[in-house]
Amino acid sequence: MPSPVKAMQDLLRDDTRYKLEAYQFIREALQYAHENLDAIGPLGFGPSDDPSSDAPRHLTGQQLCEACRLYAIDQFGYLAQMVLENWGLRRTGDFGELVYNLIRIEQMRKSESDRREDFDDVYDFENAFQPKFELALSDED
């Protein structure tokens, strides 16, 4: 197996859909998820779902997509969607492509129950990164 740096270089050469920043982002979003579990939801404990297990806690595809959304908003604010699109990320399925590319080069792991399709259509990028505005009418009107 090539070194991690060489494996990433080869990946970027072979799959030009995504920029290096997209892969860095997915790793940071994974870390963000583990640090902000209350916003993401409870994590599984691994294949046996045993809390006494020493195995790393496991995120579902849907949870990682939500972590990506929250992390992007946290980092880039109103520009989140534009930044992600600049890196080649236009739908939640793209997060799955990144993860499975990293699994293929042994930079991430998956559980037996994980599927690439778990990332598809989790939310719509057009709505997920837009600020929610609420107009309040005063009583004087």
Foldseek 3Di string as FASTA:
>chain_A
DDDPVVLVVVLCVVDVLFDPVLLVLLVVLVVQCVVPVVQQDDFAPADVSDPVDPDDTDDALLSSLSSSLVVLCVVPNLCSQVVCVVRNDQAQLVSLVSQVSCVVSPNDDDGPPHDSCRRHCSDHSVPSRHDDDDDDDDPVD
